[in-house]
Amino acid sequence: MEQSRRSFIKKSILGAVALGAALPSAETIAATTAKKKKKAKRIVLLSLDGICVAGFQQAKTPNLDALLAEGVLSLQTRVVMPSVTLPNWTSHLTGSGPEQHGVVDNSWEITKFKLPAIETDSAGYYPSVFKVLKDNLPEVKTAFYYNWVNLFYPYNKQYLDEVSFLEDDGYVPNYEKAFSFLKTNKEHPTLVFLYSVHTDHAGHKYKWMSPEYIRSIEEADVEIGRFLEKMKAEGLYDDTHFMFLTDHGGIEYGHGGVSTHEMIVPWGICGPGIAKGLQMEEPNNTVNTAAIILHLFGVSQPSCWTGEVPESIFSGK
């Protein structure tokens, strides 16, 4: 992004010289650049496990539909292989695939893994979006809410201000905790990961696309709607970026293969500076999520990351 912007300005200046036109002032260039670099205030990751495209389309999700109508929705986002939970959520939050972060299955632990990460911090963790933000924006506040115990294993707790785990597929109390965290830290840049595994478990127990699976998505949408209404009432909604994320789809009673039902998922984003009402056609992947988060906060990504920032998600692109 930055190189492209510099190249554009350089070419514009050279063209102006060739035509004998007046060059833009340093103040004009600085103001334009500052406007483009306006940083995000807060980002909330609305994360549901195991959402296939067909299930998302069939479920009645008026709250998610209204939210994503204000931004960008992709129905062609690809997940990393294997199409299972831990590798893909780790890819969302580290801007890298299993080849880099080393989380190749659901059994990864800090002292038990098959493939070492290409880079780690002093405690042995691959650099996550939480670490990179804390290293570059000391004032940033970060939180991680989850209900599948393995999910947290790949992250160094040192870089999180609040962590909340709920047992037995519980997730509703975490929505309230997340809102309280956002409200308390509304003057700070904030990143919240708000996750539930109950949708995936419904697929495994009852079958993907079963009435029970569809109902689990609809139940989550109700809680998301309540959460968004609280954000609006507190005046936190308009200047927040929301991202809707999932890790894989499913087929029959499982996932992990390479069918389109497992490998292609919905993905969305809305908020200040994001295009409105756009059906995303640009190629997208789970590794791009963290890259976009850093871009919105004005932070450069580590060289070990492979994620990219899709240009089409921004208004005017």
C-alpha atoms as a PDB file:
ATOM      1  CA  MET A   1       0.000   0.000   0.000  1.00  0.00           C
ATOM      2  CA  GLU A   2       2.647   2.550   1.068  1.00  0.00           C
ATOM      3  CA  GLN A   3       4.922   1.801  -1.876  1.00  0.00           C
ATOM      4  CA  SER A   4       2.022   2.156  -4.273  1.00  0.00           C
ATOM      5  CA  ARG A   5       1.084   5.521  -2.755  1.00  0.00           C
ATOM      6  CA  ARG A   6       4.634   6.820  -2.951  1.00  0.00           C
ATOM      7  CA  SER A   7       4.912   5.650  -6.555  1.00  0.00           C
ATOM      8  CA  PHE A   8       1.658   7.408  -7.397  1.00  0.00           C
ATOM      9  CA  ILE A   9       2.792  10.702  -5.866  1.00  0.00           C
ATOM     10  CA  LYS A  10       6.188  10.449  -7.588  1.00  0.00           C
ATOM     11  CA  LYS A  11       4.583   9.816 -10.980  1.00  0.00           C
ATOM     12  CA  SER A  12       2.138  12.684 -10.442  1.00  0.00           C
ATOM     13  CA  ILE A  13       4.975  15.087  -9.655  1.00  0.00           C
ATOM     14  CA  LEU A  14       7.030  13.999 -12.666  1.00  0.00           C
ATOM     15  CA  GLY A  15       3.989  14.381 -14.893  1.00  0.00           C
ATOM     16  CA  ALA A  16       3.331  17.859 -13.555  1.00  0.00           C
ATOM     17  CA  VAL A  17       6.938  18.881 -14.233  1.00  0.00           C
ATOM     18  CA  ALA A  18       6.732  17.556 -17.789  1.00  0.00           C
ATOM     19  CA  LEU A  19       3.615  19.617 -18.423  1.00  0.00           C
ATOM     20  CA  GLY A  20       4.981  22.701 -16.751  1.00  0.00           C
ATOM     21  CA  ALA A  21       2.183  22.633 -14.225  1.00  0.00           C
ATOM     22  CA  ALA A  22       2.481  23.916 -10.667  1.00  0.00           C
ATOM     23  CA  LEU A  23       3.536  21.221  -8.202  1.00  0.00           C
ATOM     24  CA  PRO A  24       1.325  20.517  -5.205  1.00  0.00           C
ATOM     25  CA  SER A  25       2.601  22.058  -2.010  1.00  0.00           C
ATOM     26  CA  ALA A  26       4.186  19.960   0.727  1.00  0.00           C
ATOM     27  CA  GLU A  27       1.247  20.882   2.939  1.00  0.00           C
ATOM     28  CA  THR A  28      -1.244  19.532   0.372  1.00  0.00           C
ATOM     29  CA  ILE A  29       0.610  16.223   0.028  1.00  0.00           C
ATOM     30  CA  ALA A  30       0.897  15.881   3.803  1.00  0.00           C
ATOM     31  CA  ALA A  31      -2.795  16.603   4.315  1.00  0.00           C
ATOM     32  CA  THR A  32      -3.808  14.080   1.640  1.00  0.00           C
ATOM     33  CA  THR A  33      -1.557  11.401   3.099  1.00  0.00           C
ATOM     34  CA  ALA A  34      -2.807  12.059   6.644  1.00  0.00           C
ATOM     35  CA  LYS A  35      -6.403  11.739   5.489  1.00  0.00           C
ATOM     36  CA  LYS A  36      -5.688   8.376   3.879  1.00  0.00           C
ATOM     37  CA  LYS A  37      -3.868   7.202   6.984  1.00  0.00           C
ATOM     38  CA  LYS A  38      -6.654   7.946   9.461  1.00  0.00           C
ATOM     39  CA  LYS A  39      -6.378   5.221  12.060  1.00  0.00           C
ATOM     40  CA  ALA A  40      -9.118   2.983  13.364  1.00  0.00           C
ATOM     41  CA  LYS A  41     -10.477   3.603  16.855  1.00  0.00           C
ATOM     42  CA  ARG A  42     -11.578   0.074  17.584  1.00  0.00           C
ATOM     43  CA  ILE A  43     -12.086  -3.220  15.757  1.00  0.00           C
ATOM     44  CA  VAL A  44     -14.459  -5.990  16.817  1.00  0.00           C
ATOM     45  CA  LEU A  45     -14.083  -9.474  15.322  1.00  0.00           C
ATOM     46  CA  LEU A  46     -17.487 -11.200  15.323  1.00  0.00           C
ATOM     47  CA  SER A  47     -16.299 -14.785  14.992  1.00  0.00           C
ATOM     48  CA  LEU A  48     -18.484 -17.860  14.561  1.00  0.00           C
ATOM     49  CA  ASP A  49     -16.987 -21.298  14.030  1.00  0.00           C
ATOM     50  CA  GLY A  50     -17.906 -23.527  11.091  1.00  0.00           C
ATOM     51  CA  ILE A  51     -20.086 -21.254   8.979  1.00  0.00           C
ATOM     52  CA  CYS A  52     -20.492 -22.499   5.411  1.00  0.00           C
ATOM     53  CA  VAL A  53     -21.734 -20.173   2.668  1.00  0.00           C
ATOM     54  CA  ALA A  54     -24.966 -22.107   2.142  1.00  0.00           C
ATOM     55  CA  GLY A  55     -25.708 -22.086   5.862  1.00  0.00           C
ATOM     56  CA  PHE A  56     -25.069 -18.358   6.115  1.00  0.00           C
ATOM     57  CA  GLN A  57     -27.361 -17.703   3.166  1.00  0.00           C
ATOM     58  CA  GLN A  58     -30.163 -19.956   4.422  1.00  0.00           C
ATOM     59  CA  ALA A  59     -30.162 -18.814   8.043  1.00  0.00           C
ATOM     60  CA  LYS A  60     -32.290 -15.822   8.979  1.00  0.00           C
ATOM     61  CA  THR A  61     -29.659 -13.342  10.183  1.00  0.00           C
ATOM     62  CA  PRO A  62     -31.207  -9.879  10.002  1.00  0.00           C
ATOM     63  CA  ASN A  63     -28.608  -8.314  12.299  1.00  0.00           C
ATOM     64  CA  LEU A  64     -25.578  -9.579  10.416  1.00  0.00           C
ATOM     65  CA  ASP A  65     -27.304  -8.791   7.123  1.00  0.00           C
ATOM     66  CA  ALA A  66     -27.932  -5.187   8.151  1.00  0.00           C
ATOM     67  CA  LEU A  67     -24.399  -4.806   9.481  1.00  0.00           C
ATOM     68  CA  LEU A  68     -22.701  -6.174   6.375  1.00  0.00           C
ATOM     69  CA  ALA A  69     -24.999  -4.189   4.076  1.00  0.00           C
ATOM     70  CA  GLU A  70     -23.121  -1.175   5.446  1.00  0.00           C
ATOM     71  CA  GLY A  71     -19.819  -2.608   4.255  1.00  0.00           C
ATOM     72  CA  VAL A  72     -18.255  -5.404   2.237  1.00  0.00           C
ATOM     73  CA  LEU A  73     -19.322  -9.057   2.068  1.00  0.00           C
ATOM     74  CA  SER A  74     -17.336 -11.860   0.463  1.00  0.00           C
ATOM     75  CA  LEU A  75     -18.924 -15.210  -0.263  1.00  0.00           C
ATOM     76  CA  GLN A  76     -15.743 -16.499  -1.908  1.00  0.00           C
ATOM     77  CA  THR A  77     -13.160 -16.252   0.884  1.00  0.00           C
ATOM     78  CA  ARG A  78     -10.853 -19.249   1.022  1.00  0.00           C
ATOM     79  CA  VAL A  79      -9.574 -20.836   4.194  1.00  0.00           C
ATOM     80  CA  VAL A  80      -6.144 -22.364   4.665  1.00  0.00           C
ATOM     81  CA  MET A  81      -5.544 -26.090   4.531  1.00  0.00           C
ATOM     82  CA  PRO A  82      -6.402 -28.151   6.442  1.00  0.00           C
ATOM     83  CA  SER A  83      -9.941 -26.790   6.737  1.00  0.00           C
ATOM     84  CA  VAL A  84     -10.061 -27.253  10.502  1.00  0.00           C
ATOM     85  CA  THR A  85     -10.434 -24.869  13.398  1.00  0.00           C
ATOM     86  CA  LEU A  86      -7.084 -24.125  15.010  1.00  0.00           C
ATOM     87  CA  PRO A  87      -4.987 -23.647  11.838  1.00  0.00           C
ATOM     88  CA  ASN A  88      -7.563 -21.251  10.406  1.00  0.00           C
ATOM     89  CA  TRP A  89      -8.235 -19.085  13.455  1.00  0.00           C
ATOM     90  CA  THR A  90      -4.484 -18.879  13.976  1.00  0.00           C
ATOM     91  CA  SER A  91      -4.181 -17.767  10.349  1.00  0.00           C
ATOM     92  CA  HIS A  92      -6.864 -15.100  10.853  1.00  0.00           C
ATOM     93  CA  LEU A  93      -4.979 -13.702  13.857  1.00  0.00           C
ATOM     94  CA  THR A  94      -1.375 -14.062  12.678  1.00  0.00           C
ATOM     95  CA  GLY A  95      -1.602 -13.012   9.046  1.00  0.00           C
ATOM     96  CA  SER A  96       0.080 -16.248   8.009  1.00  0.00           C
ATOM     97  CA  GLY A  97      -0.633 -19.820   6.987  1.00  0.00           C
ATOM     98  CA  PRO A  98       0.337 -23.066   8.724  1.00  0.00           C
ATOM     99  CA  GLU A  99       3.565 -23.079   6.708  1.00  0.00           C
ATOM    100  CA  GLN A 100       4.667 -20.042   8.709  1.00  0.00           C
ATOM    101  CA  HIS A 101       2.981 -20.327  12.130  1.00  0.00           C
ATOM    102  CA  GLY A 102       3.268 -24.110  12.389  1.00  0.00           C
ATOM    103  CA  VAL A 103      -0.261 -24.758  13.672  1.00  0.00           C
ATOM    104  CA  VAL A 104      -1.145 -27.583  11.303  1.00  0.00           C
ATOM    105  CA  ASP A 105      -3.943 -29.280  13.260  1.00  0.00           C
ATOM    106  CA  ASN A 106      -6.162 -28.896  16.325  1.00  0.00           C
ATOM    107  CA  SER A 107      -3.689 -30.484  18.731  1.00  0.00           C
ATOM    108  CA  TRP A 108      -1.041 -27.714  18.734  1.00  0.00           C
ATOM    109  CA  GLU A 109       0.404 -26.727  22.104  1.00  0.00           C
ATOM    110  CA  ILE A 110       3.414 -24.598  22.989  1.00  0.00           C
ATOM    111  CA  THR A 111       5.445 -27.700  23.870  1.00  0.00           C
ATOM    112  CA  LYS A 112       3.756 -30.114  21.446  1.00  0.00           C
ATOM    113  CA  PHE A 113       3.846 -29.453  17.718  1.00  0.00           C
ATOM    114  CA  LYS A 114       4.867 -31.094  14.451  1.00  0.00           C
ATOM    115  CA  LEU A 115       6.211 -28.116  12.505  1.00  0.00           C
ATOM    116  CA  PRO A 116       8.160 -25.300  14.206  1.00  0.00           C
ATOM    117  CA  ALA A 117       7.110 -21.741  13.425  1.00  0.00           C
ATOM    118  CA  ILE A 118       9.492 -19.771  11.232  1.00  0.00           C
ATOM    119  CA  GLU A 119       9.698 -17.060  13.886  1.00  0.00           C
ATOM    120  CA  THR A 120       8.768 -16.883  17.575  1.00  0.00           C
ATOM    121  CA  ASP A 121       8.900 -14.514  20.512  1.00  0.00           C
ATOM    122  CA  SER A 122      10.967 -15.260  23.604  1.00  0.00           C
ATOM    123  CA  ALA A 123       8.214 -17.557  24.926  1.00  0.00           C
ATOM    124  CA  GLY A 124       7.965 -19.595  21.717  1.00  0.00           C
ATOM    125  CA  TYR A 125       4.832 -18.050  20.166  1.00  0.00           C
ATOM    126  CA  TYR A 126       4.508 -16.951  16.548  1.00  0.00           C
ATOM    127  CA  PRO A 127       3.824 -13.172  16.377  1.00  0.00           C
ATOM    128  CA  SER A 128       0.075 -12.580  16.538  1.00  0.00           C
ATOM    129  CA  VAL A 129      -1.832  -9.436  15.688  1.00  0.00           C
ATOM    130  CA  PHE A 130      -2.085  -8.774  19.442  1.00  0.00           C
ATOM    131  CA  LYS A 131       1.704  -8.795  19.873  1.00  0.00           C
ATOM    132  CA  VAL A 132       2.369  -6.625  16.831  1.00  0.00           C
ATOM    133  CA  LEU A 133      -0.199  -4.072  17.977  1.00  0.00           C
ATOM    134  CA  LYS A 134       1.139  -3.987  21.547  1.00  0.00           C
ATOM    135  CA  ASP A 135       4.707  -3.585  20.273  1.00  0.00           C
ATOM    136  CA  ASN A 136       3.749  -0.661  18.039  1.00  0.00           C
ATOM    137  CA  LEU A 137       0.783   0.923  19.852  1.00  0.00           C
ATOM    138  CA  PRO A 138       1.456   0.562  23.596  1.00  0.00           C
ATOM    139  CA  GLU A 139      -1.854   2.271  24.355  1.00  0.00           C
ATOM    140  CA  VAL A 140      -3.912  -0.339  22.483  1.00  0.00           C
ATOM    141  CA  LYS A 141      -6.284  -2.534  24.503  1.00  0.00           C
ATOM    142  CA  THR A 142      -6.840  -6.150  23.453  1.00  0.00           C
ATOM    143  CA  ALA A 143      -9.314  -8.850  24.495  1.00  0.00           C
ATOM    144  CA  PHE A 144      -9.979 -12.487  23.612  1.00  0.00           C
ATOM    145  CA  TYR A 145     -13.352 -14.159  24.363  1.00  0.00           C
ATOM    146  CA  TYR A 146     -13.793 -17.842  23.546  1.00  0.00           C
ATOM    147  CA  ASN A 147     -15.461 -21.146  24.465  1.00  0.00           C
ATOM    148  CA  TRP A 148     -13.259 -23.843  22.916  1.00  0.00           C
ATOM    149  CA  VAL A 149     -10.239 -24.395  25.142  1.00  0.00           C
ATOM    150  CA  ASN A 150      -7.656 -25.219  22.443  1.00  0.00           C
ATOM    151  CA  LEU A 151      -8.366 -21.985  20.614  1.00  0.00           C
ATOM    152  CA  PHE A 152      -6.211 -19.871  22.917  1.00  0.00           C
ATOM    153  CA  TYR A 153      -3.150 -22.106  22.895  1.00  0.00           C
ATOM    154  CA  PRO A 154      -1.273 -20.370  20.017  1.00  0.00           C
ATOM    155  CA  TYR A 155      -1.308 -16.905  21.660  1.00  0.00           C
ATOM    156  CA  ASN A 156       0.936 -15.319  24.252  1.00  0.00           C
ATOM    157  CA  LYS A 157      -1.343 -14.026  27.025  1.00  0.00           C
ATOM    158  CA  GLN A 158       1.189 -11.254  27.703  1.00  0.00           C
ATOM    159  CA  TYR A 159      -0.284  -9.285  24.804  1.00  0.00           C
ATOM    160  CA  LEU A 160      -3.919  -9.499  25.912  1.00  0.00           C
ATOM    161  CA  ASP A 161      -5.561  -7.251  28.488  1.00  0.00           C
ATOM    162  CA  GLU A 162      -8.595  -9.463  29.024  1.00  0.00           C
ATOM    163  CA  VAL A 163      -9.204 -13.151  28.346  1.00  0.00           C
ATOM    164  CA  SER A 164     -12.484 -14.933  29.074  1.00  0.00           C
ATOM    165  CA  PHE A 165     -13.221 -18.637  28.573  1.00  0.00           C
ATOM    166  CA  LEU A 166     -16.691 -20.155  28.936  1.00  0.00           C
ATOM    167  CA  GLU A 167     -17.374 -23.893  29.188  1.00  0.00           C
ATOM    168  CA  ASP A 168     -20.091 -26.056  27.620  1.00  0.00           C
ATOM    169  CA  ASP A 169     -20.576 -23.882  24.523  1.00  0.00           C
ATOM    170  CA  GLY A 170     -21.511 -20.889  26.643  1.00  0.00           C
ATOM    171  CA  TYR A 171     -21.070 -17.623  24.772  1.00  0.00           C
ATOM    172  CA  VAL A 172     -23.759 -15.109  25.696  1.00  0.00           C
ATOM    173  CA  PRO A 173     -21.960 -13.774  28.828  1.00  0.00           C
ATOM    174  CA  ASN A 174     -18.892 -13.071  26.700  1.00  0.00           C
ATOM    175  CA  TYR A 175     -20.888 -10.648  24.563  1.00  0.00           C
ATOM    176  CA  GLU A 176     -21.659  -8.643  27.704  1.00  0.00           C
ATOM    177  CA  LYS A 177     -18.032  -8.824  28.834  1.00  0.00           C
ATOM    178  CA  ALA A 178     -16.847  -7.639  25.434  1.00  0.00           C
ATOM    179  CA  PHE A 179     -19.251  -4.706  25.498  1.00  0.00           C
ATOM    180  CA  SER A 180     -18.099  -3.704  28.993  1.00  0.00           C
ATOM    181  CA  PHE A 181     -14.472  -3.915  27.874  1.00  0.00           C
ATOM    182  CA  LEU A 182     -15.154  -1.702  24.859  1.00  0.00           C
ATOM    183  CA  LYS A 183     -17.092   0.787  26.970  1.00  0.00           C
ATOM    184  CA  THR A 184     -14.368   0.972  29.630  1.00  0.00           C
ATOM    185  CA  ASN A 185     -11.648   1.473  27.021  1.00  0.00           C
ATOM    186  CA  LYS A 186     -13.532   3.711  24.609  1.00  0.00           C
ATOM    187  CA  GLU A 187     -10.766   6.327  24.698  1.00  0.00           C
ATOM    188  CA  HIS A 188      -8.136   3.752  23.658  1.00  0.00           C
ATOM    189  CA  PRO A 189      -7.562   1.996  20.356  1.00  0.00           C
ATOM    190  CA  THR A 190      -9.103  -1.421  20.945  1.00  0.00           C
ATOM    191  CA  LEU A 191      -9.147  -4.874  19.339  1.00  0.00           C
ATOM    192  CA  VAL A 192     -11.695  -7.445  20.522  1.00  0.00           C
ATOM    193  CA  PHE A 193     -11.890 -11.064  19.357  1.00  0.00           C
ATOM    194  CA  LEU A 194     -15.408 -12.328  20.154  1.00  0.00           C
ATOM    195  CA  TYR A 195     -15.836 -16.004  19.305  1.00  0.00           C
ATOM    196  CA  SER A 196     -18.209 -18.938  19.688  1.00  0.00           C
ATOM    197  CA  VAL A 197     -17.805 -22.615  18.755  1.00  0.00           C
ATOM    198  CA  HIS A 198     -21.448 -23.631  19.291  1.00  0.00           C
ATOM    199  CA  THR A 199     -22.269 -23.327  15.577  1.00  0.00           C
ATOM    200  CA  ASP A 200     -19.520 -25.794  14.666  1.00  0.00           C
ATOM    201  CA  HIS A 201     -20.624 -28.210  17.372  1.00  0.00           C
ATOM    202  CA  ALA A 202     -24.180 -28.106  16.012  1.00  0.00           C
ATOM    203  CA  GLY A 203     -22.835 -29.160  12.615  1.00  0.00           C
ATOM    204  CA  HIS A 204     -20.865 -32.048  14.089  1.00  0.00           C
ATOM    205  CA  LYS A 205     -23.766 -33.245  16.210  1.00  0.00           C
ATOM    206  CA  TYR A 206     -26.689 -32.756  13.845  1.00  0.00           C
ATOM    207  CA  LYS A 207     -25.084 -32.328  10.387  1.00  0.00           C
ATOM    208  CA  TRP A 208     -24.143 -29.252   8.403  1.00  0.00           C
ATOM    209  CA  MET A 209     -27.275 -27.613   6.930  1.00  0.00           C
ATOM    210  CA  SER A 210     -29.542 -29.452   9.391  1.00  0.00           C
ATOM    211  CA  PRO A 211     -32.322 -27.422  11.043  1.00  0.00           C
ATOM    212  CA  GLU A 212     -30.330 -27.468  14.292  1.00  0.00           C
ATOM    213  CA  TYR A 213     -27.209 -26.120  12.567  1.00  0.00           C
ATOM    214  CA  ILE A 214     -29.168 -23.329  10.884  1.00  0.00           C
ATOM    215  CA  ARG A 215     -30.842 -22.515  14.196  1.00  0.00           C
ATOM    216  CA  SER A 216     -27.469 -22.163  15.909  1.00  0.00           C
ATOM    217  CA  ILE A 217     -26.484 -19.451  13.421  1.00  0.00           C
ATOM    218  CA  GLU A 218     -29.787 -17.658  13.934  1.00  0.00           C
ATOM    219  CA  GLU A 219     -29.375 -17.793  17.716  1.00  0.00           C
ATOM    220  CA  ALA A 220     -25.936 -16.212  17.417  1.00  0.00           C
ATOM    221  CA  ASP A 221     -27.374 -13.486  15.194  1.00  0.00           C
ATOM    222  CA  VAL A 222     -29.838 -12.540  17.940  1.00  0.00           C
ATOM    223  CA  GLU A 223     -26.978 -12.047  20.419  1.00  0.00           C
ATOM    224  CA  ILE A 224     -24.960 -10.116  17.860  1.00  0.00           C
ATOM    225  CA  GLY A 225     -27.962  -7.843  17.367  1.00  0.00           C
ATOM    226  CA  ARG A 226     -28.229  -7.157  21.096  1.00  0.00           C
ATOM    227  CA  PHE A 227     -24.514  -6.455  21.242  1.00  0.00           C
ATOM    228  CA  LEU A 228     -24.715  -4.007  18.331  1.00  0.00           C
ATOM    229  CA  GLU A 229     -27.683  -2.198  19.883  1.00  0.00           C
ATOM    230  CA  LYS A 230     -25.661  -1.655  23.070  1.00  0.00           C
ATOM    231  CA  MET A 231     -22.793  -0.323  20.986  1.00  0.00           C
ATOM    232  CA  LYS A 232     -25.164   2.138  19.320  1.00  0.00           C
ATOM    233  CA  ALA A 233     -26.703   3.239  22.625  1.00  0.00           C
ATOM    234  CA  GLU A 234     -23.245   3.899  24.052  1.00  0.00           C
ATOM    235  CA  GLY A 235     -22.171   5.881  20.969  1.00  0.00           C
ATOM    236  CA  LEU A 236     -19.518   3.330  20.039  1.00  0.00           C
ATOM    237  CA  TYR A 237     -21.028   1.931  16.863  1.00  0.00           C
ATOM    238  CA  ASP A 238     -20.324   4.534  14.193  1.00  0.00           C
ATOM    239  CA  ASP A 239     -16.556   4.727  14.685  1.00  0.00           C
ATOM    240  CA  THR A 240     -16.015   0.974  15.115  1.00  0.00           C
ATOM    241  CA  HIS A 241     -14.863  -1.449  12.433  1.00  0.00           C
ATOM    242  CA  PHE A 242     -16.656  -4.780  12.581  1.00  0.00           C
ATOM    243  CA  MET A 243     -15.375  -7.915  10.876  1.00  0.00           C
ATOM    244  CA  PHE A 244     -17.467 -11.069  10.459  1.00  0.00           C
ATOM    245  CA  LEU A 245     -15.212 -14.125  10.427  1.00  0.00           C
ATOM    246  CA  THR A 246     -15.372 -17.896  10.301  1.00  0.00           C
ATOM    247  CA  ASP A 247     -12.765 -20.612   9.914  1.00  0.00           C
ATOM    248  CA  HIS A 248     -14.239 -23.291   7.632  1.00  0.00           C
ATOM    249  CA  GLY A 249     -17.484 -24.713   6.347  1.00  0.00           C
ATOM    250  CA  GLY A 250     -18.618 -28.287   6.586  1.00  0.00           C
ATOM    251  CA  ILE A 251     -20.221 -31.200   4.833  1.00  0.00           C
ATOM    252  CA  GLU A 252     -22.333 -33.968   6.366  1.00  0.00           C
ATOM    253  CA  TYR A 253     -20.996 -34.283   9.948  1.00  0.00           C
ATOM    254  CA  GLY A 254     -17.516 -32.845   9.542  1.00  0.00           C
ATOM    255  CA  HIS A 255     -14.860 -30.846   7.732  1.00  0.00           C
ATOM    256  CA  GLY A 256     -11.145 -30.900   7.015  1.00  0.00           C
ATOM    257  CA  GLY A 257     -11.273 -31.733   3.315  1.00  0.00           C
ATOM    258  CA  VAL A 258     -10.935 -29.594   0.214  1.00  0.00           C
ATOM    259  CA  SER A 259     -14.535 -29.431  -1.042  1.00  0.00           C
ATOM    260  CA  THR A 260     -15.921 -25.970  -1.721  1.00  0.00           C
ATOM    261  CA  HIS A 261     -18.407 -26.497   1.125  1.00  0.00           C
ATOM    262  CA  GLU A 262     -15.447 -26.752   3.526  1.00  0.00           C
ATOM    263  CA  MET A 263     -12.901 -24.416   1.917  1.00  0.00           C
ATOM    264  CA  ILE A 264     -15.001 -21.400   0.896  1.00  0.00           C
ATOM    265  CA  VAL A 265     -16.677 -19.266   3.567  1.00  0.00           C
ATOM    266  CA  PRO A 266     -18.374 -15.911   4.138  1.00  0.00           C
ATOM    267  CA  TRP A 267     -16.248 -12.975   5.336  1.00  0.00           C
ATOM    268  CA  GLY A 268     -17.212  -9.358   5.874  1.00  0.00           C
ATOM    269  CA  ILE A 269     -16.100  -5.948   7.094  1.00  0.00           C
ATOM    270  CA  CYS A 270     -17.713  -2.570   7.700  1.00  0.00           C
ATOM    271  CA  GLY A 271     -16.755   0.689   9.338  1.00  0.00           C
ATOM    272  CA  PRO A 272     -15.178   4.075   8.593  1.00  0.00           C
ATOM    273  CA  GLY A 273     -13.507   4.191   5.184  1.00  0.00           C
ATOM    274  CA  ILE A 274     -14.887   0.816   4.105  1.00  0.00           C
ATOM    275  CA  ALA A 275     -16.881   0.559   0.891  1.00  0.00           C
ATOM    276  CA  LYS A 276     -20.628   0.300   1.439  1.00  0.00           C
ATOM    277  CA  GLY A 277     -22.887  -2.361  -0.044  1.00  0.00           C
ATOM    278  CA  LEU A 278     -20.065  -4.102  -1.900  1.00  0.00           C
ATOM    279  CA  GLN A 279     -20.119  -7.771  -2.888  1.00  0.00           C
ATOM    280  CA  MET A 280     -16.410  -8.550  -2.827  1.00  0.00           C
ATOM    281  CA  GLU A 281     -15.018 -10.238  -5.926  1.00  0.00           C
ATOM    282  CA  GLU A 282     -11.322  -9.728  -5.209  1.00  0.00           C
ATOM    283  CA  PRO A 283      -9.588 -12.945  -4.045  1.00  0.00           C
ATOM    284  CA  ASN A 284      -9.539 -13.188  -0.258  1.00  0.00           C
ATOM    285  CA  ASN A 285      -8.140 -15.590   2.320  1.00  0.00           C
ATOM    286  CA  THR A 286      -8.178 -16.032   6.090  1.00  0.00           C
ATOM    287  CA  VAL A 287      -4.536 -14.857   6.256  1.00  0.00           C
ATOM    288  CA  ASN A 288      -5.648 -11.375   5.123  1.00  0.00           C
ATOM    289  CA  THR A 289      -7.654 -10.615   8.261  1.00  0.00           C
ATOM    290  CA  ALA A 290      -4.718  -9.640  10.500  1.00  0.00           C
ATOM    291  CA  ALA A 291      -3.073  -7.701   7.677  1.00  0.00           C
ATOM    292  CA  ILE A 292      -6.236  -5.600   7.338  1.00  0.00           C
ATOM    293  CA  ILE A 293      -6.398  -5.029  11.098  1.00  0.00           C
ATOM    294  CA  LEU A 294      -2.834  -3.703  11.187  1.00  0.00           C
ATOM    295  CA  HIS A 295      -3.498  -1.536   8.141  1.00  0.00           C
ATOM    296  CA  LEU A 296      -6.552   0.012   9.793  1.00  0.00           C
ATOM    297  CA  PHE A 297      -4.521   0.800  12.918  1.00  0.00           C
ATOM    298  CA  GLY A 298      -1.677   2.237  10.807  1.00  0.00           C
ATOM    299  CA  VAL A 299       0.841  -0.448  11.794  1.00  0.00           C
ATOM    300  CA  SER A 300       3.212  -2.226   9.400  1.00  0.00           C
ATOM    301  CA  GLN A 301       3.059  -6.002   9.360  1.00  0.00           C
ATOM    302  CA  PRO A 302       6.022  -8.257  10.193  1.00  0.00           C
ATOM    303  CA  SER A 303       8.098  -9.575   7.301  1.00  0.00           C
ATOM    304  CA  CYS A 304       7.244 -13.164   8.304  1.00  0.00           C
ATOM    305  CA  TRP A 305       3.531 -12.579   7.636  1.00  0.00           C
ATOM    306  CA  THR A 306       2.035 -13.406   4.234  1.00  0.00           C
ATOM    307  CA  GLY A 307      -1.381 -11.710   4.464  1.00  0.00           C
ATOM    308  CA  GLU A 308      -2.348  -8.932   2.071  1.00  0.00           C
ATOM    309  CA  VAL A 309      -4.761  -6.006   2.221  1.00  0.00           C
ATOM    310  CA  PRO A 310      -7.442  -6.260  -0.515  1.00  0.00           C
ATOM    311  CA  GLU A 311      -7.738  -2.803  -2.082  1.00  0.00           C
ATOM    312  CA  SER A 312     -11.369  -3.242  -3.096  1.00  0.00           C
ATOM    313  CA  ILE A 313     -12.702  -3.168   0.477  1.00  0.00           C
ATOM    314  CA  PHE A 314     -11.986   0.536   0.821  1.00  0.00           C
ATOM    315  CA  SER A 315     -14.355   3.237  -0.386  1.00  0.00           C
ATOM    316  CA  GLY A 316     -13.152   4.907  -3.556  1.00  0.00           C
ATOM    317  CA  LYS A 317     -11.115   1.868  -4.640  1.00  0.00           C
END
